[in-house]
Amino acid sequence: MPRKTLLHRATVQEGLGRASLPRRSVLLDGDRIEAVLPEGLAPLHSPEVDVLDLDGRTVMPGMTLGHTHIAYLNILDGREMLFKYSVPEVTLAAAENTTALLGLGYTAFVGAGSVAGIDMALRRASTPGASWAPASPRAAAT
């Protein structure tokens, strides 16, 4: 049975337009949030729980980037891209850009167009059950 994780002594930003909640603990069961509790109610001494002391760091939901050209690489527009790079090179760089965004806490982006439909290919590849998908932490503290 997988162990649970407690993010203890955290500041929680719910992303709902309200003030952050200081002195909270977030109990994770795998990649799901089981509970958000005041620090004093946290299961600190439970043998099934690994405790991470965040010392006031902020826990927040994943972010969405609202306008992204995921396959653009130091260029002004898509036409310039095809003069500098091959489609396979652009595809690999777009996958690298996607992995970097996930590592920064973005869990979604709105594709604003890319050469050769690369953004849509990345979307299909990242669908659960796809043979390839970038590594993605489901919960991260910053």
Protein backbone atom coordinates (compact mmCIF):
# COMPACT_ATOMS: atom_id res chain seq x y z
CA MET A 1 0.00 0.00 0.00
CA PRO A 2 1.51 3.38 -0.99
CA ARG A 3 2.30 5.76 1.81
CA LYS A 4 0.64 9.14 2.13
CA THR A 5 2.55 12.41 2.15
CA LEU A 6 1.89 15.37 4.44
CA LEU A 7 3.02 18.81 3.30
CA HIS A 8 3.26 20.35 6.76
CA ARG A 9 3.54 24.02 7.79
CA ALA A 10 2.51 25.25 4.34
CA THR A 11 0.81 28.36 3.05
CA VAL A 12 -2.02 27.22 0.76
CA GLN A 13 -3.13 29.30 -2.22
CA GLU A 14 -6.34 27.80 -3.54
CA GLY A 15 -6.45 29.85 -6.74
CA LEU A 16 -10.00 31.01 -6.03
CA GLY A 17 -9.32 34.75 -5.69
CA ARG A 18 -9.10 34.64 -1.89
CA ALA A 19 -6.19 35.30 0.43
CA SER A 20 -3.70 32.48 1.00
CA LEU A 21 -4.24 30.22 4.02
CA PRO A 22 -1.20 30.21 6.30
CA ARG A 23 -0.27 27.45 8.76
CA ARG A 24 -1.92 24.60 6.89
CA SER A 25 -1.04 20.98 6.16
CA VAL A 26 -1.93 19.25 2.90
CA LEU A 27 -2.39 15.47 3.02
CA LEU A 28 -1.67 13.72 -0.28
CA ASP A 29 -2.71 10.18 -1.14
CA GLY A 30 -0.67 9.37 -4.22
CA ASP A 31 -1.24 12.24 -6.64
CA ARG A 32 -4.55 13.34 -5.06
CA ILE A 33 -5.21 15.85 -2.29
CA GLU A 34 -7.02 14.04 0.50
CA ALA A 35 -7.32 16.96 2.94
CA VAL A 36 -6.24 20.51 3.70
CA LEU A 37 -6.03 20.92 7.46
CA PRO A 38 -4.97 23.46 10.06
CA GLU A 39 -1.44 22.54 11.22
CA GLY A 40 -2.71 21.43 14.61
CA LEU A 41 -4.95 18.73 13.10
CA ALA A 42 -2.27 17.19 10.87
CA PRO A 43 -1.47 13.46 11.31
CA LEU A 44 2.20 14.12 12.11
CA HIS A 45 2.86 10.89 13.96
CA SER A 46 0.94 8.45 11.76
CA PRO A 47 3.18 5.57 10.64
CA GLU A 48 1.55 5.61 7.15
CA VAL A 49 2.48 9.25 6.47
CA ASP A 50 5.74 10.78 5.25
CA VAL A 51 6.02 14.35 6.54
CA LEU A 52 7.66 17.15 4.56
CA ASP A 53 8.12 20.37 6.55
CA LEU A 54 7.62 23.25 4.10
CA ASP A 55 8.50 25.97 6.62
CA GLY A 56 5.79 28.31 5.29
CA ARG A 57 6.40 27.73 1.56
CA THR A 58 3.41 28.06 -0.74
CA VAL A 59 1.40 25.16 -2.15
CA MET A 60 -0.81 26.10 -5.09
CA PRO A 61 -2.77 24.52 -7.94
CA GLY A 62 -1.11 24.01 -11.31
CA MET A 63 -1.06 27.04 -13.57
CA THR A 64 -2.37 27.43 -17.12
CA LEU A 65 -0.39 29.40 -19.69
CA GLY A 66 -3.02 31.19 -21.75
CA HIS A 67 -1.18 31.80 -25.06
CA THR A 68 1.69 29.55 -26.08
CA HIS A 69 3.64 28.86 -29.24
CA ILE A 70 5.24 25.75 -27.76
CA ALA A 71 7.35 25.03 -30.85
CA TYR A 72 8.82 28.51 -31.33
CA LEU A 73 12.58 28.70 -30.75
CA ASN A 74 14.06 32.21 -30.67
CA ILE A 75 12.27 33.37 -33.79
CA LEU A 76 9.81 36.08 -34.78
CA ASP A 77 7.18 33.93 -36.52
CA GLY A 78 6.41 30.42 -37.74
CA ARG A 79 7.71 30.99 -41.27
CA GLU A 80 11.14 31.95 -39.93
CA MET A 81 11.15 28.73 -37.88
CA LEU A 82 11.12 26.53 -40.98
CA PHE A 83 14.12 28.35 -42.47
CA LYS A 84 16.23 27.75 -39.36
CA TYR A 85 15.20 24.27 -38.19
CA SER A 86 13.83 21.02 -39.57
CA VAL A 87 10.41 19.78 -38.40
CA PRO A 88 12.00 16.94 -36.36
CA GLU A 89 14.28 19.46 -34.59
CA VAL A 90 11.32 21.71 -33.83
CA THR A 91 9.33 18.72 -32.54
CA LEU A 92 12.08 17.70 -30.13
CA ALA A 93 12.47 21.28 -28.90
CA ALA A 94 8.69 21.58 -28.40
CA ALA A 95 8.71 18.40 -26.29
CA GLU A 96 11.57 19.87 -24.25
CA ASN A 97 9.62 23.14 -23.82
CA THR A 98 6.57 21.15 -22.66
CA THR A 99 8.63 19.26 -20.08
CA ALA A 100 10.13 22.56 -18.83
CA LEU A 101 6.65 24.11 -18.41
CA LEU A 102 5.47 21.08 -16.42
CA GLY A 103 8.52 21.38 -14.18
CA LEU A 104 7.68 25.04 -13.50
CA GLY A 105 4.18 24.21 -12.25
CA TYR A 106 2.15 24.67 -15.43
CA THR A 107 -0.32 21.83 -15.90
CA ALA A 108 -1.94 23.17 -19.06
CA PHE A 109 -1.30 25.54 -21.91
CA VAL A 110 -3.43 26.99 -24.67
CA GLY A 111 -1.73 26.35 -27.98
CA ALA A 112 -1.78 29.46 -30.16
CA GLY A 113 -0.47 27.65 -33.20
CA SER A 114 2.68 25.87 -34.21
CA VAL A 115 4.33 24.63 -37.37
CA ALA A 116 3.26 21.25 -38.70
CA GLY A 117 0.62 20.75 -35.97
CA ILE A 118 3.29 19.97 -33.36
CA ASP A 119 1.22 21.40 -30.48
CA MET A 120 -1.67 19.03 -31.25
CA ALA A 121 0.68 16.05 -31.58
CA LEU A 122 2.05 16.87 -28.11
CA ARG A 123 -1.50 17.02 -26.77
CA ARG A 124 -2.31 13.57 -28.15
CA ALA A 125 0.99 12.16 -26.88
CA SER A 126 0.30 13.51 -23.38
CA THR A 127 -3.12 11.87 -23.17
CA PRO A 128 -3.32 9.18 -20.45
CA GLY A 129 -2.47 5.83 -21.98
CA ALA A 130 -0.28 7.34 -24.72
CA SER A 131 3.03 5.60 -25.30
CA TRP A 132 5.01 8.78 -24.62
CA ALA A 133 4.33 11.66 -22.27
CA PRO A 134 6.62 14.18 -20.53
CA ALA A 135 7.37 13.48 -16.88
CA SER A 136 5.00 15.50 -14.72
CA PRO A 137 4.81 15.88 -10.97
CA ARG A 138 1.12 15.96 -10.07
CA ALA A 139 1.68 18.02 -6.95
CA ALA A 140 4.55 20.41 -6.31
CA ALA A 141 5.42 22.96 -3.64
CA THR A 142 7.15 26.24 -4.51
